[in-house]
Each structure stands twice: as structure tokens, then as C-alpha cells.
């Protein structure tokens, strides 16, 4: 009986040893169609885009273009059609040659007349009957070193009237007139005024009249 048990133990030992020598089975890789999706830009956390702020315009900075050069059309946009005849299309101001210059633009020639009235020069533009885009907005020139404080245009009757107010009423005087058709094909009338801002009439910081 003991011999039978011993034989059974000897026969079972190689099988047990063989099972212990086998390596553990490796896990099977998931099928390609069930593999986890790769990370994409859409899965990345939202990160705010940093935009460098632009420096604000300083007081008195003039952001327009010079008369005669025309306004540059924005990329990808068609040039705008010129305004109809009889329209005041632009009122501008610039410092020049130690003085200042106010200019008016239209597609066709027009007449300019002036008179001094209540500390201002009142300009009548004959032949113009309509105010173009933004020409009704006053131009605040108090912060420039010139005698002129404000330029404003309005429709009066069947014509256009422009009032050029001075910082000191005693400085109000008619300007010298020059007209020209410039390279942009538009007609301009220029009023030139000499002299800088008088020391006794420095501009105030109050809001311009509306």
C-alpha cells in the first residue's frame, strides 16, 4: 500500500513542477477598434489667449490722413463711391508752418466766404447743400498750440455754415484762402491761420459742448 502511494506522489511531482515553471499569461491587447482615442487639441484644457493691449492715443493725437492723399481702403474691401455733388465730404484740421489750417473737401468746386462774428470766424460754403458722413461732428482743437479752439459745421438753410471758434475772442481773424484739386481727384478749400496759442488763453479740460 505504501508503495502504491509513493508511486502516485512521484508521478504527480513532475506535473506540478512543470506547472510552476510556466510564466503567467500576458494580457491580450484590446482590438484596434476598441483602443482608447488619442489625445487631441480639442481635449486640451482651455487656455485664455493673451492679447497685448495697444497703447492709447495721447491727448491731441490726430488719427486721420493728410488732405490730398485720400483715405486708405481696408484690405479685402472695395473702395467706397465718392459722395454726390454738393456734399461736404470732409472737414479737417492740422497744424502747419507754425500756425493751423482748416480744410474742406468735396467732389466739385465750391465758393468760400468768411466773416468775424462773436469771437469766431463764420465760413459759408456756397454750392454745398449736404453734410457728409461725420462732417457734423465738431473738431475739438483746444489741445493744439494754435489760437483755434473748435471747428463745427452745420446745415443752414440751403447751404453749409462752418464756425471756427477761437480760444481768445480778440484773436479771431479771417484766414487766407487757397483752393486746389488734389491728387486724389477731390476739390479742397484751405483756410490758413497764423500764430500759436496765446499764453493767456490756455485750453481748459472741460468737456466740449455738444
N, C-alpha and C. Protein backbone atom coordinates (compact mmCIF):
# COMPACT_ATOMS: atom_id res chain seq x y z
N UNK A 1 0.84 -1.22 0.00
CA UNK A 1 0.00 0.00 0.00
C UNK A 1 0.85 1.24 0.00
N UNK A 2 1.89 1.22 0.81
CA UNK A 2 2.81 2.38 0.87
C UNK A 2 3.50 2.57 -0.47
N UNK A 3 3.82 1.44 -1.14
CA UNK A 3 4.49 1.54 -2.43
C UNK A 3 3.57 2.20 -3.46
N UNK A 4 2.28 1.88 -3.40
CA UNK A 4 1.33 2.48 -4.35
C UNK A 4 1.23 3.98 -4.14
N UNK A 5 1.15 4.45 -2.88
CA UNK A 5 1.06 5.88 -2.59
C UNK A 5 2.32 6.60 -3.01
N UNK A 6 3.48 5.95 -2.80
CA UNK A 6 4.74 6.57 -3.18
C UNK A 6 4.82 6.73 -4.68
N UNK A 7 4.36 5.76 -5.41
CA UNK A 7 4.37 5.86 -6.87
C UNK A 7 3.48 6.99 -7.36
N UNK A 8 2.30 7.13 -6.73
CA UNK A 8 1.39 8.22 -7.14
C UNK A 8 2.01 9.58 -6.88
N UNK A 9 2.71 9.74 -5.75
CA UNK A 9 3.35 11.02 -5.42
C UNK A 9 4.44 11.33 -6.41
N UNK A 10 5.25 10.32 -6.77
CA UNK A 10 6.34 10.53 -7.72
C UNK A 10 5.83 10.90 -9.10
N UNK A 11 4.71 10.28 -9.48
CA UNK A 11 4.14 10.61 -10.80
C UNK A 11 3.54 12.01 -10.83
N UNK A 12 2.98 12.49 -9.74
CA UNK A 12 2.35 13.82 -9.71
C UNK A 12 3.37 14.94 -9.60
N UNK A 13 4.53 14.69 -9.01
CA UNK A 13 5.53 15.76 -8.78
C UNK A 13 6.01 16.42 -10.06
N UNK A 14 6.39 15.68 -11.13
CA UNK A 14 6.84 16.36 -12.37
C UNK A 14 5.78 17.27 -12.95
N UNK A 15 4.51 16.85 -12.87
CA UNK A 15 3.44 17.70 -13.43
C UNK A 15 3.30 19.00 -12.68
N UNK A 16 3.42 18.90 -11.32
CA UNK A 16 3.33 20.12 -10.51
C UNK A 16 4.50 21.03 -10.79
N UNK A 17 5.70 20.41 -10.87
CA UNK A 17 6.89 21.23 -11.15
C UNK A 17 6.80 21.90 -12.50
N UNK A 18 6.23 21.16 -13.49
CA UNK A 18 6.09 21.73 -14.82
C UNK A 18 5.14 22.93 -14.83
N UNK A 19 4.04 22.83 -14.04
CA UNK A 19 3.08 23.95 -13.97
C UNK A 19 3.68 25.15 -13.31
N UNK A 20 4.54 24.91 -12.28
CA UNK A 20 5.17 26.06 -11.60
C UNK A 20 6.19 26.76 -12.48
N UNK A 21 6.79 26.05 -13.42
CA UNK A 21 7.81 26.67 -14.27
C UNK A 21 7.25 27.51 -15.38
N UNK A 22 5.96 27.39 -15.66
CA UNK A 22 5.35 28.18 -16.73
C UNK A 22 5.17 29.63 -16.31
N UNK A 23 5.43 30.60 -17.23
CA UNK A 23 5.23 32.04 -16.96
C UNK A 23 3.75 32.38 -17.00
N UNK A 24 3.39 33.41 -16.23
CA UNK A 24 1.99 33.84 -16.20
C UNK A 24 1.59 34.35 -17.57
N UNK A 25 0.40 34.07 -18.05
CA UNK A 25 -0.02 34.51 -19.40
C UNK A 25 -0.09 36.03 -19.49
N UNK A 26 0.39 36.57 -20.63
CA UNK A 26 0.36 38.01 -20.85
C UNK A 26 -1.05 38.46 -21.19
N UNK A 27 -1.45 39.65 -20.70
CA UNK A 27 -2.80 40.16 -21.05
C UNK A 27 -2.88 40.50 -22.53
N UNK A 28 -3.98 40.12 -23.13
CA UNK A 28 -4.15 40.40 -24.54
C UNK A 28 -4.42 41.89 -24.77
N UNK A 29 -3.84 42.43 -25.85
CA UNK A 29 -4.06 43.84 -26.22
C UNK A 29 -5.48 44.00 -26.73
N UNK A 30 -6.14 45.09 -26.41
CA UNK A 30 -7.51 45.30 -26.90
C UNK A 30 -7.52 45.46 -28.40
N UNK A 31 -8.58 45.07 -29.04
CA UNK A 31 -8.68 45.24 -30.51
C UNK A 31 -8.47 46.69 -30.91
N UNK A 32 -7.99 46.89 -32.15
CA UNK A 32 -7.70 48.25 -32.64
C UNK A 32 -8.92 49.12 -32.62
N UNK A 33 -10.10 48.55 -32.92
CA UNK A 33 -11.30 49.37 -32.95
C UNK A 33 -11.79 49.76 -31.57
N UNK A 34 -11.24 49.09 -30.49
CA UNK A 34 -11.63 49.42 -29.14
C UNK A 34 -10.53 50.13 -28.37
N UNK A 35 -9.44 50.51 -29.08
CA UNK A 35 -8.34 51.21 -28.42
C UNK A 35 -8.79 52.59 -27.99
N UNK A 36 -8.29 53.09 -26.84
CA UNK A 36 -8.69 54.43 -26.39
C UNK A 36 -8.24 55.49 -27.37
N UNK A 37 -9.06 56.52 -27.63
CA UNK A 37 -8.71 57.55 -28.62
C UNK A 37 -7.50 58.35 -28.17
N UNK A 38 -6.69 58.77 -29.16
CA UNK A 38 -5.52 59.59 -28.84
C UNK A 38 -5.96 60.98 -28.43
N UNK A 39 -5.14 61.61 -27.59
CA UNK A 39 -5.45 62.97 -27.12
C UNK A 39 -5.36 63.94 -28.27
N UNK A 40 -6.29 64.87 -28.36
CA UNK A 40 -6.30 65.88 -29.42
C UNK A 40 -6.30 67.25 -28.81
N UNK A 41 -6.14 68.27 -29.68
CA UNK A 41 -6.15 69.66 -29.20
C UNK A 41 -7.48 70.02 -28.57
N UNK A 42 -8.54 69.37 -29.05
CA UNK A 42 -9.86 69.69 -28.50
C UNK A 42 -9.99 69.25 -27.06
N UNK A 43 -9.19 68.16 -26.68
CA UNK A 43 -9.27 67.66 -25.31
C UNK A 43 -8.43 68.45 -24.34
N UNK A 44 -7.55 69.33 -24.88
CA UNK A 44 -6.67 70.11 -24.01
C UNK A 44 -7.49 71.12 -23.23
N UNK A 45 -7.08 71.47 -22.01
CA UNK A 45 -7.83 72.45 -21.23
C UNK A 45 -7.79 73.81 -21.88
N UNK A 46 -8.89 74.54 -21.75
CA UNK A 46 -8.97 75.87 -22.35
C UNK A 46 -7.96 76.80 -21.70
N UNK A 47 -7.17 77.48 -22.53
CA UNK A 47 -6.17 78.42 -22.05
C UNK A 47 -6.47 79.78 -22.66
N UNK A 48 -6.73 80.80 -21.88
CA UNK A 48 -7.06 82.11 -22.47
C UNK A 48 -5.91 82.66 -23.27
N UNK A 49 -6.23 83.27 -24.43
CA UNK A 49 -5.21 83.87 -25.28
C UNK A 49 -4.85 85.23 -24.74
N UNK A 50 -3.57 85.44 -24.57
CA UNK A 50 -3.11 86.72 -24.04
C UNK A 50 -2.96 87.70 -25.19
N UNK A 51 -3.63 88.84 -25.10
CA UNK A 51 -3.55 89.89 -26.13
C UNK A 51 -2.90 91.10 -25.51
N UNK A 52 -1.82 91.53 -26.12
CA UNK A 52 -1.13 92.70 -25.61
C UNK A 52 -1.98 93.94 -25.86
N UNK A 53 -2.30 94.73 -24.84
CA UNK A 53 -3.12 95.92 -25.06
C UNK A 53 -2.37 96.97 -25.85
N UNK A 54 -3.08 97.63 -26.72
CA UNK A 54 -2.48 98.71 -27.50
C UNK A 54 -2.41 99.97 -26.67
N UNK A 55 -1.34 100.72 -26.89
CA UNK A 55 -1.19 101.97 -26.15
C UNK A 55 -2.26 102.96 -26.60
N UNK A 56 -2.93 103.63 -25.67
CA UNK A 56 -3.98 104.58 -26.06
C UNK A 56 -3.39 105.80 -26.75
N UNK A 57 -4.19 106.44 -27.59
CA UNK A 57 -3.73 107.66 -28.23
C UNK A 57 -3.54 108.76 -27.21
N UNK A 58 -2.48 109.50 -27.34
CA UNK A 58 -2.23 110.62 -26.44
C UNK A 58 -3.17 111.77 -26.77
N UNK A 59 -3.38 112.63 -25.79
CA UNK A 59 -4.26 113.78 -25.99
C UNK A 59 -3.73 114.65 -27.12
N UNK A 60 -4.57 114.95 -28.08
CA UNK A 60 -4.16 115.79 -29.20
C UNK A 60 -3.65 115.01 -30.40
N UNK A 61 -3.53 113.66 -30.29
CA UNK A 61 -3.10 112.87 -31.43
C UNK A 61 -4.15 112.94 -32.52
N UNK A 62 -3.69 113.05 -33.77
CA UNK A 62 -4.61 113.13 -34.90
C UNK A 62 -4.49 111.84 -35.70
N UNK A 63 -5.57 111.09 -35.79
CA UNK A 63 -5.52 109.78 -36.41
C UNK A 63 -5.96 109.76 -37.86
N UNK A 64 -6.22 110.91 -38.47
CA UNK A 64 -6.69 110.93 -39.84
C UNK A 64 -5.56 110.90 -40.84
N UNK A 65 -5.89 111.17 -42.10
CA UNK A 65 -4.89 111.22 -43.15
C UNK A 65 -4.74 112.65 -43.61
N UNK A 66 -3.65 112.94 -44.30
CA UNK A 66 -3.42 114.31 -44.75
C UNK A 66 -4.29 114.62 -45.95
N UNK A 67 -4.69 115.88 -46.10
CA UNK A 67 -5.53 116.24 -47.24
C UNK A 67 -4.80 115.99 -48.55
N UNK A 68 -5.55 115.49 -49.53
CA UNK A 68 -4.97 115.24 -50.84
C UNK A 68 -4.49 113.82 -51.03
N UNK A 69 -4.23 113.08 -49.94
CA UNK A 69 -3.72 111.71 -50.06
C UNK A 69 -4.84 110.70 -50.16
N UNK A 70 -6.04 111.07 -49.67
CA UNK A 70 -7.16 110.16 -49.69
C UNK A 70 -7.09 109.16 -48.55
N UNK A 71 -8.23 108.57 -48.24
CA UNK A 71 -8.29 107.59 -47.17
C UNK A 71 -8.00 106.20 -47.72
N UNK A 72 -7.16 105.44 -47.03
CA UNK A 72 -6.78 104.11 -47.48
C UNK A 72 -7.94 103.13 -47.28
N UNK A 73 -8.23 102.37 -48.34
CA UNK A 73 -9.29 101.35 -48.24
C UNK A 73 -8.77 100.15 -47.46
N UNK A 74 -9.61 99.55 -46.64
CA UNK A 74 -9.22 98.39 -45.87
C UNK A 74 -9.03 97.19 -46.79
N UNK A 75 -8.10 96.31 -46.40
CA UNK A 75 -7.81 95.14 -47.22
C UNK A 75 -9.05 94.28 -47.37
N UNK A 76 -9.30 93.84 -48.60
CA UNK A 76 -10.45 92.97 -48.86
C UNK A 76 -11.76 93.70 -49.07
N UNK A 77 -11.73 95.02 -48.95
CA UNK A 77 -12.96 95.79 -49.13
C UNK A 77 -12.84 96.69 -50.36
N UNK A 78 -13.95 96.83 -51.05
CA UNK A 78 -13.97 97.69 -52.23
C UNK A 78 -13.96 99.16 -51.80
N UNK A 79 -13.33 99.98 -52.64
CA UNK A 79 -13.30 101.41 -52.36
C UNK A 79 -14.71 101.98 -52.43
N UNK A 80 -15.01 102.89 -51.51
CA UNK A 80 -16.34 103.48 -51.48
C UNK A 80 -16.51 104.46 -52.62
N UNK A 81 -17.73 104.56 -53.09
CA UNK A 81 -18.03 105.52 -54.15
C UNK A 81 -17.96 106.93 -53.58
N UNK A 82 -17.50 107.89 -54.38
CA UNK A 82 -17.47 109.27 -53.89
C UNK A 82 -18.87 109.79 -53.62
N UNK A 83 -19.01 110.70 -52.66
CA UNK A 83 -20.33 111.24 -52.35
C UNK A 83 -20.86 112.06 -53.52
N UNK A 84 -22.16 112.25 -53.58
CA UNK A 84 -22.75 113.02 -54.69
C UNK A 84 -22.30 114.48 -54.67
N UNK A 85 -22.41 115.12 -55.80
CA UNK A 85 -22.03 116.53 -55.93
C UNK A 85 -22.89 117.38 -54.98
N UNK A 86 -22.28 118.38 -54.38
CA UNK A 86 -22.98 119.25 -53.45
C UNK A 86 -22.85 118.80 -52.00
N UNK A 87 -22.03 117.76 -51.75
CA UNK A 87 -21.86 117.23 -50.39
C UNK A 87 -20.51 117.66 -49.82
N UNK A 88 -20.53 118.15 -48.59
CA UNK A 88 -19.30 118.41 -47.86
C UNK A 88 -18.82 117.07 -47.31
N UNK A 89 -17.80 116.49 -47.91
CA UNK A 89 -17.41 115.12 -47.58
C UNK A 89 -16.37 115.03 -46.47
N UNK A 90 -15.69 116.14 -46.16
CA UNK A 90 -14.67 116.08 -45.11
C UNK A 90 -14.38 117.47 -44.58
N UNK A 91 -14.31 117.58 -43.27
CA UNK A 91 -13.82 118.79 -42.59
C UNK A 91 -12.61 118.36 -41.79
N UNK A 92 -11.48 119.03 -42.00
CA UNK A 92 -10.25 118.62 -41.32
C UNK A 92 -9.50 119.78 -40.72
N UNK A 93 -8.57 119.45 -39.85
CA UNK A 93 -7.73 120.44 -39.17
C UNK A 93 -6.32 119.87 -39.03
N UNK A 94 -5.32 120.73 -39.18
CA UNK A 94 -3.93 120.32 -38.96
C UNK A 94 -3.09 121.54 -38.61
N UNK A 95 -2.03 121.29 -37.84
CA UNK A 95 -1.07 122.36 -37.56
C UNK A 95 -0.05 122.36 -38.70
N UNK A 96 0.33 123.57 -39.10
CA UNK A 96 1.21 123.66 -40.25
C UNK A 96 1.95 124.99 -40.25
N UNK A 97 3.29 124.90 -40.45
CA UNK A 97 4.14 126.09 -40.57
C UNK A 97 3.97 127.05 -39.40
N UNK A 98 3.89 126.53 -38.18
CA UNK A 98 3.77 127.38 -37.00
C UNK A 98 2.38 127.91 -36.77
N UNK A 99 1.45 127.58 -37.64
CA UNK A 99 0.06 128.03 -37.47
C UNK A 99 -0.87 126.84 -37.57
N UNK A 100 -2.04 127.06 -38.13
CA UNK A 100 -3.01 125.98 -38.28
C UNK A 100 -3.77 126.15 -39.58
N UNK A 101 -4.37 125.05 -40.00
CA UNK A 101 -5.09 125.05 -41.26
C UNK A 101 -6.37 124.23 -41.12
N UNK A 102 -7.49 124.81 -41.55
CA UNK A 102 -8.76 124.12 -41.62
C UNK A 102 -9.06 123.89 -43.10
N UNK A 103 -9.48 122.67 -43.43
CA UNK A 103 -9.75 122.41 -44.85
C UNK A 103 -11.09 121.71 -45.03
N UNK A 104 -11.65 121.89 -46.23
CA UNK A 104 -12.95 121.33 -46.60
C UNK A 104 -12.79 120.57 -47.91
N UNK A 105 -13.48 119.45 -48.02
CA UNK A 105 -13.35 118.60 -49.20
C UNK A 105 -14.70 118.32 -49.83
N UNK A 106 -14.73 118.28 -51.16
CA UNK A 106 -15.92 117.91 -51.91
C UNK A 106 -15.49 117.39 -53.27
N UNK A 107 -16.44 116.81 -54.01
CA UNK A 107 -16.08 116.24 -55.31
C UNK A 107 -15.99 117.31 -56.40
N UNK A 108 -16.57 118.48 -56.15
CA UNK A 108 -16.61 119.53 -57.16
C UNK A 108 -16.32 120.88 -56.50
N UNK A 109 -15.88 121.87 -57.28
CA UNK A 109 -15.56 123.19 -56.72
C UNK A 109 -16.76 123.85 -56.02
N UNK A 110 -16.46 124.67 -55.03
CA UNK A 110 -17.46 125.44 -54.29
C UNK A 110 -16.82 126.75 -53.85
N UNK A 111 -17.65 127.70 -53.45
CA UNK A 111 -17.18 129.03 -53.06
C UNK A 111 -17.06 129.13 -51.54
N UNK A 112 -16.09 129.93 -51.09
CA UNK A 112 -15.84 130.13 -49.66
C UNK A 112 -15.90 131.62 -49.34
N UNK A 113 -16.69 131.97 -48.33
CA UNK A 113 -16.74 133.35 -47.85
C UNK A 113 -16.64 133.33 -46.33
N UNK A 114 -16.07 134.43 -45.74
CA UNK A 114 -15.84 134.47 -44.30
C UNK A 114 -16.31 135.79 -43.71
N UNK A 115 -16.60 135.73 -42.39
CA UNK A 115 -16.85 136.94 -41.63
C UNK A 115 -16.56 136.65 -40.15
N UNK A 116 -16.10 137.69 -39.43
CA UNK A 116 -15.82 137.54 -38.00
C UNK A 116 -17.08 137.88 -37.24
N UNK A 117 -17.45 136.99 -36.32
CA UNK A 117 -18.70 137.17 -35.58
C UNK A 117 -18.58 136.57 -34.18
N UNK A 118 -18.63 137.42 -33.16
CA UNK A 118 -18.63 136.94 -31.77
C UNK A 118 -17.46 136.07 -31.38
N UNK A 119 -16.26 136.46 -31.71
CA UNK A 119 -15.07 135.69 -31.34
C UNK A 119 -14.86 134.45 -32.17
N UNK A 120 -15.48 134.40 -33.34
CA UNK A 120 -15.33 133.25 -34.23
C UNK A 120 -15.34 133.72 -35.68
N UNK A 121 -14.82 132.88 -36.54
CA UNK A 121 -14.90 133.12 -37.98
C UNK A 121 -15.99 132.22 -38.53
N UNK A 122 -17.00 132.84 -39.14
CA UNK A 122 -18.11 132.08 -39.72
C UNK A 122 -17.85 131.94 -41.22
N UNK A 123 -17.76 130.70 -41.66
CA UNK A 123 -17.44 130.40 -43.06
C UNK A 123 -18.69 129.86 -43.75
N UNK A 124 -19.01 130.44 -44.89
CA UNK A 124 -20.13 129.96 -45.69
C UNK A 124 -19.58 129.25 -46.92
N UNK A 125 -20.03 128.00 -47.13
CA UNK A 125 -19.60 127.21 -48.27
C UNK A 125 -20.73 127.19 -49.29
N UNK A 126 -20.63 128.04 -50.28
CA UNK A 126 -21.68 128.15 -51.30
C UNK A 126 -21.52 127.04 -52.33
N UNK A 127 -22.63 126.42 -52.70
CA UNK A 127 -22.60 125.33 -53.66
C UNK A 127 -22.65 123.97 -52.98
N UNK A 128 -22.53 123.95 -51.66
CA UNK A 128 -22.66 122.70 -50.91
C UNK A 128 -23.97 122.73 -50.13
N UNK A 129 -24.73 121.66 -50.23
CA UNK A 129 -26.05 121.64 -49.60
C UNK A 129 -26.25 120.48 -48.63
N UNK A 130 -25.29 119.54 -48.58
CA UNK A 130 -25.44 118.37 -47.72
C UNK A 130 -24.19 118.15 -46.88
N UNK A 131 -24.41 117.65 -45.67
CA UNK A 131 -23.30 117.25 -44.81
C UNK A 131 -23.01 115.77 -45.02
N UNK A 132 -21.75 115.46 -45.31
CA UNK A 132 -21.37 114.07 -45.49
C UNK A 132 -21.21 113.35 -44.16
N UNK A 133 -20.78 112.10 -44.24
CA UNK A 133 -20.64 111.24 -43.07
C UNK A 133 -19.68 111.85 -42.05
N UNK A 134 -20.19 112.07 -40.83
CA UNK A 134 -19.41 112.58 -39.69
C UNK A 134 -18.94 114.03 -39.82
N UNK A 135 -19.30 114.73 -40.89
CA UNK A 135 -18.85 116.12 -41.01
C UNK A 135 -19.58 117.03 -40.03
N UNK A 136 -20.68 116.54 -39.46
CA UNK A 136 -21.42 117.35 -38.48
C UNK A 136 -20.76 117.29 -37.10
N UNK A 137 -19.84 116.36 -36.90
CA UNK A 137 -19.18 116.24 -35.60
C UNK A 137 -18.18 117.39 -35.40
N UNK A 138 -18.25 118.10 -34.26
CA UNK A 138 -17.30 119.19 -34.01
C UNK A 138 -15.88 118.65 -33.84
N UNK A 139 -14.90 119.44 -34.20
CA UNK A 139 -13.49 119.11 -34.02
C UNK A 139 -12.96 119.94 -32.86
N UNK A 140 -12.54 119.28 -31.79
CA UNK A 140 -12.02 119.96 -30.61
C UNK A 140 -10.51 120.15 -30.78
N UNK A 141 -10.07 121.39 -30.94
CA UNK A 141 -8.65 121.67 -31.19
C UNK A 141 -8.01 122.46 -30.05
N UNK A 142 -8.62 122.42 -28.88
CA UNK A 142 -8.10 123.21 -27.75
C UNK A 142 -6.72 122.78 -27.31
N UNK A 143 -6.37 121.51 -27.52
CA UNK A 143 -5.11 120.99 -27.02
C UNK A 143 -3.95 121.18 -27.98
N UNK A 144 -4.20 121.81 -29.11
CA UNK A 144 -3.13 122.15 -30.04
C UNK A 144 -2.64 123.57 -29.74
N UNK A 145 -1.40 123.82 -30.05
CA UNK A 145 -0.81 125.13 -29.80
C UNK A 145 -1.17 126.08 -30.94
N UNK A 146 -2.46 126.36 -31.06
CA UNK A 146 -2.96 127.29 -32.08
C UNK A 146 -4.06 128.14 -31.44
N UNK A 147 -4.43 129.27 -32.05
CA UNK A 147 -5.49 130.10 -31.49
C UNK A 147 -6.89 129.48 -31.61
N UNK A 148 -7.03 128.45 -32.45
CA UNK A 148 -8.35 127.87 -32.72
C UNK A 148 -8.73 126.86 -31.63
N UNK A 149 -9.97 126.94 -31.17
CA UNK A 149 -10.45 126.05 -30.12
C UNK A 149 -11.41 124.98 -30.63
N UNK A 150 -12.15 125.29 -31.68
CA UNK A 150 -13.21 124.37 -32.10
C UNK A 150 -13.65 124.69 -33.53
N UNK A 151 -13.94 123.63 -34.28
CA UNK A 151 -14.45 123.78 -35.64
C UNK A 151 -15.73 122.95 -35.74
N UNK A 152 -16.82 123.57 -36.16
CA UNK A 152 -18.09 122.85 -36.25
C UNK A 152 -18.84 123.28 -37.51
N UNK A 153 -19.43 122.30 -38.17
CA UNK A 153 -20.18 122.56 -39.41
C UNK A 153 -21.64 122.18 -39.20
N UNK A 154 -22.52 122.93 -39.82
CA UNK A 154 -23.94 122.62 -39.74
C UNK A 154 -24.62 123.09 -41.02
N UNK A 155 -25.76 122.49 -41.28
CA UNK A 155 -26.54 122.92 -42.43
C UNK A 155 -27.39 124.12 -42.02
N UNK A 156 -27.34 125.14 -42.82
CA UNK A 156 -28.12 126.35 -42.54
C UNK A 156 -28.84 126.77 -43.80
N UNK A 157 -30.16 126.67 -43.75
CA UNK A 157 -30.93 126.99 -44.95
C UNK A 157 -30.63 125.97 -46.04
N UNK A 158 -30.23 126.47 -47.20
CA UNK A 158 -29.89 125.59 -48.31
C UNK A 158 -28.38 125.42 -48.46
N UNK A 159 -27.63 125.91 -47.48
CA UNK A 159 -26.17 125.82 -47.59
C UNK A 159 -25.53 125.21 -46.34
N UNK A 160 -24.20 125.31 -46.28
CA UNK A 160 -23.40 124.79 -45.18
C UNK A 160 -22.67 125.96 -44.53
N UNK A 161 -22.74 126.01 -43.20
CA UNK A 161 -22.03 127.04 -42.43
C UNK A 161 -21.05 126.36 -41.47
N UNK A 162 -19.83 126.86 -41.46
CA UNK A 162 -18.79 126.33 -40.57
C UNK A 162 -18.37 127.45 -39.62
N UNK A 163 -18.37 127.15 -38.33
CA UNK A 163 -17.98 128.13 -37.32
C UNK A 163 -16.63 127.72 -36.73
N UNK A 164 -15.66 128.61 -36.84
CA UNK A 164 -14.31 128.38 -36.30
C UNK A 164 -14.15 129.27 -35.08
N UNK A 165 -14.25 128.66 -33.89
CA UNK A 165 -14.17 129.42 -32.64
C UNK A 165 -12.71 129.54 -32.19
N UNK A 166 -12.38 130.69 -31.60
CA UNK A 166 -11.02 130.96 -31.13
C UNK A 166 -10.96 130.91 -29.61
N UNK A 167 -9.77 130.54 -29.08
CA UNK A 167 -9.57 130.49 -27.63
C UNK A 167 -9.70 131.88 -27.01
N UNK A 168 -9.21 132.87 -27.72
CA UNK A 168 -9.33 134.26 -27.29
C UNK A 168 -10.13 135.01 -28.36
N UNK A 169 -11.25 135.57 -27.98
CA UNK A 169 -12.11 136.26 -28.96
C UNK A 169 -11.37 137.35 -29.72
N UNK A 170 -10.37 137.97 -29.06
CA UNK A 170 -9.62 139.05 -29.71
C UNK A 170 -8.74 138.53 -30.84
N UNK A 171 -8.46 137.22 -30.83
CA UNK A 171 -7.60 136.65 -31.87
C UNK A 171 -8.37 136.26 -33.13
N UNK A 172 -9.69 136.35 -33.08
CA UNK A 172 -10.50 135.93 -34.23
C UNK A 172 -10.19 136.81 -35.44
N UNK A 173 -9.78 136.19 -36.53
CA UNK A 173 -9.46 136.89 -37.76
C UNK A 173 -9.64 135.94 -38.93
N UNK A 174 -10.00 136.49 -40.07
CA UNK A 174 -10.21 135.65 -41.24
C UNK A 174 -8.90 135.00 -41.66
N UNK A 175 -9.02 133.79 -42.21
CA UNK A 175 -7.84 133.08 -42.69
C UNK A 175 -7.62 133.32 -44.16
N UNK A 176 -6.40 133.02 -44.60
CA UNK A 176 -6.09 133.13 -46.02
C UNK A 176 -6.62 131.88 -46.73
N UNK A 177 -7.22 132.10 -47.91
CA UNK A 177 -7.91 131.02 -48.62
C UNK A 177 -7.06 130.51 -49.78
N UNK A 178 -7.02 129.20 -49.91
CA UNK A 178 -6.37 128.56 -51.05
C UNK A 178 -7.23 127.37 -51.47
N UNK A 179 -7.43 127.20 -52.77
CA UNK A 179 -8.22 126.08 -53.27
C UNK A 179 -7.38 125.27 -54.26
N UNK A 180 -7.68 123.98 -54.35
CA UNK A 180 -6.94 123.12 -55.27
C UNK A 180 -7.67 121.80 -55.46
N UNK A 181 -7.49 121.21 -56.64
CA UNK A 181 -7.91 119.83 -56.89
C UNK A 181 -6.67 118.97 -56.69
N UNK A 182 -6.71 118.10 -55.68
CA UNK A 182 -5.52 117.36 -55.29
C UNK A 182 -5.39 116.03 -56.04
N UNK A 183 -4.32 115.30 -55.71
CA UNK A 183 -4.01 114.05 -56.42
C UNK A 183 -5.10 113.00 -56.28
N UNK A 184 -5.89 113.07 -55.21
CA UNK A 184 -6.97 112.09 -55.03
C UNK A 184 -8.20 112.42 -55.87
N UNK A 185 -8.15 113.53 -56.64
CA UNK A 185 -9.25 113.91 -57.51
C UNK A 185 -10.33 114.72 -56.83
N UNK A 186 -10.16 115.01 -55.54
CA UNK A 186 -11.15 115.77 -54.79
C UNK A 186 -10.75 117.25 -54.75
N UNK A 187 -11.77 118.09 -54.59
CA UNK A 187 -11.55 119.53 -54.51
C UNK A 187 -11.45 119.95 -53.05
N UNK A 188 -10.45 120.76 -52.74
CA UNK A 188 -10.21 121.22 -51.38
C UNK A 188 -10.18 122.74 -51.31
N UNK A 189 -10.69 123.27 -50.19
CA UNK A 189 -10.53 124.68 -49.85
C UNK A 189 -9.82 124.74 -48.51
N UNK A 190 -8.71 125.50 -48.45
CA UNK A 190 -7.90 125.59 -47.24
C UNK A 190 -7.99 126.99 -46.64
N UNK A 191 -8.17 127.05 -45.33
CA UNK A 191 -8.11 128.31 -44.59
C UNK A 191 -6.92 128.24 -43.65
N UNK A 192 -5.96 129.12 -43.83
CA UNK A 192 -4.74 129.10 -43.02
C UNK A 192 -4.77 130.25 -42.01
N UNK A 193 -4.39 129.92 -40.77
CA UNK A 193 -4.35 130.90 -39.68
C UNK A 193 -2.96 130.89 -39.05
N UNK A 194 -2.41 132.08 -38.84
CA UNK A 194 -1.05 132.18 -38.30
C UNK A 194 -1.08 132.24 -36.78
N UNK A 195 0.09 131.98 -36.18
CA UNK A 195 0.27 132.17 -34.74
C UNK A 195 -0.08 130.97 -33.90
N UNK A 196 0.58 130.92 -32.71
CA UNK A 196 0.33 129.86 -31.74
C UNK A 196 -0.72 130.30 -30.74
N UNK A 197 -0.97 129.44 -29.77
CA UNK A 197 -1.96 129.73 -28.75
C UNK A 197 -1.45 130.78 -27.79
N UNK A 198 -2.19 131.87 -27.54
CA UNK A 198 -1.75 132.88 -26.59
C UNK A 198 -1.67 132.31 -25.18
N UNK A 199 -0.65 132.74 -24.41
CA UNK A 199 -0.44 132.21 -23.06
C UNK A 199 -1.62 132.50 -22.14
N UNK A 200 -2.32 133.58 -22.39
CA UNK A 200 -3.43 133.96 -21.52
C UNK A 200 -4.70 133.17 -21.81
N UNK A 201 -4.66 132.32 -22.84
CA UNK A 201 -5.87 131.58 -23.21
C UNK A 201 -5.55 130.11 -23.39
N UNK A 202 -4.96 129.50 -22.36
CA UNK A 202 -4.68 128.08 -22.41
C UNK A 202 -5.98 127.28 -22.39
N UNK A 203 -6.02 126.13 -23.07
CA UNK A 203 -7.26 125.36 -23.13
C UNK A 203 -7.64 124.78 -21.78
N UNK A 204 -8.93 124.76 -21.50
CA UNK A 204 -9.42 124.15 -20.26
C UNK A 204 -9.64 122.68 -20.49
N UNK A 205 -9.90 121.94 -19.41
CA UNK A 205 -10.07 120.50 -19.51
C UNK A 205 -11.53 120.09 -19.46
N UNK A 206 -12.44 121.03 -19.58
CA UNK A 206 -13.86 120.69 -19.56
C UNK A 206 -14.25 120.02 -20.86
N UNK A 207 -15.34 119.27 -20.82
CA UNK A 207 -15.81 118.56 -22.00
C UNK A 207 -16.30 119.56 -23.04
N UNK A 208 -16.04 119.27 -24.34
CA UNK A 208 -16.52 120.18 -25.38
C UNK A 208 -18.05 120.22 -25.42
N UNK A 209 -18.57 121.31 -25.86
CA UNK A 209 -20.02 121.45 -25.98
C UNK A 209 -20.55 120.49 -27.02
N UNK A 210 -21.78 120.02 -26.80
CA UNK A 210 -22.40 119.11 -27.77
C UNK A 210 -23.48 119.82 -28.55
